[in-house]
N, C-alpha and C. Protein backbone atom coordinates (compact mmCIF):
# COMPACT_ATOMS: atom_id res chain seq x y z
N MET A 1 64.73 59.80 133.62
CA MET A 1 65.06 61.51 133.31
C MET A 1 63.89 61.90 133.38
N THR A 2 63.91 63.15 134.18
CA THR A 2 62.89 64.21 133.82
C THR A 2 63.23 65.06 132.33
N PHE A 3 61.88 65.61 132.45
CA PHE A 3 61.88 66.54 130.93
C PHE A 3 62.99 67.74 131.20
N LYS A 4 62.82 68.21 132.37
CA LYS A 4 63.94 69.76 132.84
C LYS A 4 65.13 68.92 132.34
N LYS A 5 65.82 68.03 132.80
CA LYS A 5 67.38 67.64 132.63
C LYS A 5 67.23 67.24 131.33
N ILE A 6 66.10 66.55 130.59
CA ILE A 6 66.36 66.38 129.20
C ILE A 6 66.80 67.76 128.55
N CYS A 7 66.01 68.79 128.75
CA CYS A 7 66.11 69.86 128.03
C CYS A 7 67.64 70.82 128.61
N LYS A 8 67.88 70.75 129.74
CA LYS A 8 69.11 71.36 130.35
C LYS A 8 70.33 70.97 129.30
N ILE A 9 70.44 69.19 129.17
CA ILE A 9 71.33 68.38 128.34
C ILE A 9 71.58 69.14 126.69
N ILE A 10 70.35 69.12 126.32
CA ILE A 10 70.09 69.57 125.16
C ILE A 10 70.51 71.34 124.59
N ALA A 11 70.58 71.91 125.89
CA ALA A 11 70.90 73.27 125.96
C ALA A 11 72.46 73.40 126.06
N VAL A 12 73.08 72.66 126.59
CA VAL A 12 74.17 72.48 127.03
C VAL A 12 74.89 72.32 125.60
N ILE A 13 74.44 70.94 125.03
CA ILE A 13 75.12 70.74 123.59
C ILE A 13 74.99 71.63 122.60
N ALA A 14 73.82 72.50 122.55
CA ALA A 14 73.58 73.41 121.76
C ALA A 14 74.51 74.64 122.31
N ALA A 15 74.77 74.94 123.33
CA ALA A 15 75.94 76.08 123.76
C ALA A 15 77.08 75.17 123.20
N LEU A 16 77.55 74.20 123.52
CA LEU A 16 78.90 73.92 122.98
C LEU A 16 79.12 74.20 121.64
N CYS A 17 77.69 73.71 120.81
CA CYS A 17 78.04 73.91 119.21
C CYS A 17 78.18 75.13 119.00
N ALA A 18 77.83 76.52 119.62
CA ALA A 18 77.69 77.61 119.01
C ALA A 18 79.01 78.05 119.47
N LEU A 19 79.70 77.52 120.57
CA LEU A 19 80.82 78.23 120.95
C LEU A 19 81.86 77.60 120.03
N ALA A 20 81.67 76.13 119.42
CA ALA A 20 82.86 75.82 118.41
C ALA A 20 83.01 76.46 117.23
N ALA A 21 81.51 76.75 116.76
CA ALA A 21 81.25 77.07 115.64
C ALA A 21 82.32 78.83 115.77
N ALA A 22 81.84 79.57 116.72
CA ALA A 22 82.25 80.95 117.05
C ALA A 22 83.68 80.75 116.98
N ALA A 23 84.31 79.60 117.45
CA ALA A 23 85.68 79.68 117.41
C ALA A 23 86.39 79.44 116.37
N TYR A 24 85.72 78.33 115.32
CA TYR A 24 86.06 78.12 114.11
C TYR A 24 85.93 79.47 112.99
N TYR A 25 84.75 80.13 113.26
CA TYR A 25 84.77 81.39 112.16
C TYR A 25 86.02 82.22 112.66
N ALA A 26 86.03 82.57 114.13
CA ALA A 26 87.12 83.62 114.57
C ALA A 26 88.37 83.15 113.76
N VAL A 27 89.20 81.81 113.85
CA VAL A 27 90.28 81.19 113.40
C VAL A 27 90.20 81.51 112.04
N LYS A 28 89.25 81.15 111.32
CA LYS A 28 88.93 81.38 109.68
C LYS A 28 89.57 82.52 108.97
N LYS A 29 88.54 83.52 109.89
CA LYS A 29 88.55 84.85 109.31
C LYS A 29 89.68 85.41 109.86
N LEU A 30 90.55 85.10 110.85
CA LEU A 30 91.95 85.75 111.08
C LEU A 30 92.85 85.29 110.44
N THR A 31 93.31 84.22 110.03
CA THR A 31 93.87 83.17 109.18
C THR A 31 93.68 83.77 107.58
N ASP A 32 92.87 83.76 107.30
CA ASP A 32 92.48 83.62 105.74
C ASP A 32 93.06 84.78 105.20
N LYS A 33 93.77 84.48 103.62
CA LYS A 33 94.32 85.27 103.16
C LYS A 33 93.00 86.34 102.58
N ASP A 34 93.40 87.83 102.53
CA ASP A 34 92.51 88.84 101.87
C ASP A 34 92.99 88.53 100.27
N GLU A 35 92.03 88.09 99.53
CA GLU A 35 92.27 88.09 98.31
C GLU A 35 91.21 89.10 97.58
N PRO A 36 91.62 90.15 96.66
CA PRO A 36 90.86 91.02 95.91
C PRO A 36 89.87 90.79 95.06
N GLU A 37 88.53 91.28 95.14
CA GLU A 37 87.66 91.13 94.34
C GLU A 37 87.72 91.79 93.46
N TYR A 38 87.20 91.27 92.19
CA TYR A 38 87.17 91.96 90.77
C TYR A 38 85.90 91.97 90.46
N PHE A 39 85.47 92.87 90.10
CA PHE A 39 84.23 93.54 89.23
C PHE A 39 84.22 93.88 87.94
N ASP A 40 83.39 93.31 87.28
CA ASP A 40 83.31 93.49 85.80
C ASP A 40 82.28 94.86 85.63
N ASP A 41 82.56 96.09 84.89
CA ASP A 41 82.16 97.37 84.66
C ASP A 41 80.46 96.97 84.29
N ASN A 42 80.68 95.90 83.23
CA ASN A 42 79.13 95.86 82.69
C ASN A 42 78.31 95.44 83.72
N ASP A 43 78.53 94.70 84.79
CA ASP A 43 77.76 94.45 86.14
C ASP A 43 76.86 95.51 86.52
N PHE A 44 77.48 96.75 86.35
CA PHE A 44 76.75 97.96 87.09
C PHE A 44 76.05 98.96 86.16
N PHE A 45 76.43 99.14 85.05
CA PHE A 45 75.72 99.66 84.17
C PHE A 45 75.87 99.14 82.73
N GLU A 46 75.01 99.75 81.86
CA GLU A 46 74.95 99.16 80.41
C GLU A 46 75.73 100.47 79.73
N CYS A 47 76.64 99.76 79.04
CA CYS A 47 77.33 100.75 78.00
C CYS A 47 77.58 100.49 76.77
N ASP A 48 77.45 101.05 75.85
CA ASP A 48 77.46 100.55 74.35
C ASP A 48 79.02 100.84 73.71
N ASN A 49 79.68 101.57 74.37
CA ASN A 49 81.09 101.60 74.37
C ASN A 49 81.07 102.40 73.26
N ASP A 50 80.27 103.53 72.53
CA ASP A 50 80.26 104.38 71.81
C ASP A 50 80.93 105.73 72.23
N LEU A 51 81.90 106.02 72.84
CA LEU A 51 82.35 107.05 73.68
C LEU A 51 82.92 108.28 72.65
N GLU A 52 82.54 109.39 72.85
CA GLU A 52 83.30 110.35 72.04
C GLU A 52 84.75 111.08 72.87
N ILE A 53 85.91 111.45 72.19
CA ILE A 53 87.02 111.62 72.82
C ILE A 53 87.07 113.03 71.88
N VAL A 54 86.90 113.99 73.14
CA VAL A 54 87.58 115.22 73.32
C VAL A 54 88.57 115.56 73.79
N GLU A 55 89.27 116.31 72.94
CA GLU A 55 90.89 116.48 73.38
C GLU A 55 90.69 118.33 73.82
N VAL A 56 91.15 118.54 75.12
CA VAL A 56 91.28 119.79 75.57
C VAL A 56 92.52 120.54 75.61
N GLU A 57 92.90 121.56 75.53
CA GLU A 57 94.25 122.23 75.31
C GLU A 57 94.62 122.55 76.68
N ASP A 58 95.76 122.53 77.38
CA ASP A 58 95.97 122.63 78.58
C ASP A 58 96.19 124.09 78.64
N GLU A 59 96.09 124.81 79.42
CA GLU A 59 96.62 126.38 79.16
C GLU A 59 97.65 126.79 80.41
N PRO A 60 98.58 127.58 79.32
CA PRO A 60 99.89 127.61 80.54
C PRO A 60 99.59 128.15 81.82
N GLU A 61 100.21 127.78 82.70
CA GLU A 61 100.33 128.12 84.18
C GLU A 61 100.77 129.39 84.12
N GLU A 62 100.29 130.59 85.21
CA GLU A 62 100.91 131.85 84.85
C GLU A 62 102.06 131.74 86.24
N PRO A 63 103.07 132.30 86.14
CA PRO A 63 104.08 132.00 87.14
C PRO A 63 103.71 133.07 88.55
N LYS A 64 103.78 132.15 89.59
CA LYS A 64 103.48 132.22 90.98
C LYS A 64 104.57 133.62 91.54
N GLU A 65 104.26 134.62 92.15
CA GLU A 65 105.21 135.76 92.56
C GLU A 65 105.41 134.80 93.80
N GLU A 66 106.86 135.14 94.03
CA GLU A 66 107.23 134.72 95.29
C GLU A 66 107.93 135.65 96.32
N LYS A 67 107.56 136.05 97.63
CA LYS A 67 107.93 136.81 98.39
C LYS A 67 109.17 136.67 99.09
N LYS A 68 110.05 137.52 98.89
CA LYS A 68 111.48 136.95 99.48
C LYS A 68 111.50 137.52 100.80
N LYS A 69 112.24 137.27 101.62
CA LYS A 69 112.51 138.23 103.34
C LYS A 69 113.83 138.87 103.22
N ALA A 70 113.85 139.96 103.70
CA ALA A 70 114.82 140.99 103.22
C ALA A 70 116.36 140.15 103.84
N ALA A 71 117.21 139.62 103.23
CA ALA A 71 118.60 138.84 103.71
C ALA A 71 119.18 140.28 104.29
N PRO A 72 119.35 141.72 103.85
CA PRO A 72 120.58 142.49 104.50
C PRO A 72 120.12 142.42 106.10
N LYS A 73 119.04 142.39 106.53
CA LYS A 73 118.69 142.48 108.31
C LYS A 73 119.57 141.54 108.55
N LYS A 74 119.84 140.08 108.13
CA LYS A 74 120.44 139.01 108.71
C LYS A 74 121.89 139.63 109.16
N LYS A 75 122.46 140.04 108.08
CA LYS A 75 123.81 140.44 108.03
C LYS A 75 123.89 141.72 108.98
N ALA A 76 123.00 142.73 108.83
CA ALA A 76 123.38 143.80 109.82
C ALA A 76 123.23 143.27 111.51
N ALA A 77 122.37 142.29 111.50
CA ALA A 77 122.29 141.92 113.04
C ALA A 77 123.89 141.27 113.49
N LYS A 78 124.34 140.19 112.37
CA LYS A 78 125.62 139.82 112.42
C LYS A 78 126.46 140.90 112.98
N LYS A 79 126.73 141.64 112.32
CA LYS A 79 127.87 142.76 112.05
C LYS A 79 127.21 143.99 113.56
N ASP A 80 126.10 143.89 114.28
CA ASP A 80 126.25 144.65 115.44
C ASP A 80 126.53 143.74 116.51
N ALA A 81 126.49 142.55 116.28
CA ALA A 81 126.93 141.62 117.46
C ALA A 81 128.49 141.57 117.33
N GLU A 82 129.08 141.90 116.49
CA GLU A 82 130.75 142.06 116.53
C GLU A 82 131.33 143.01 117.04
């Protein structure tokens, strides 16, 4: 066997392995259940948990003015149709 033929055989075997790995990864990715990741807040920042609680009073909301459409115009239109 020549060197070129051996290289071609190795290349074909490597390509088949790559295709098998890609198919395995795709099937595993599509059929795998999505599990939620839980993070600990202490991993992201240091906190001494000495927080000051401040209470804020809610301000009463002002009533909004609603614009009403004129209802008599509809009644007048009905009377004209009769």
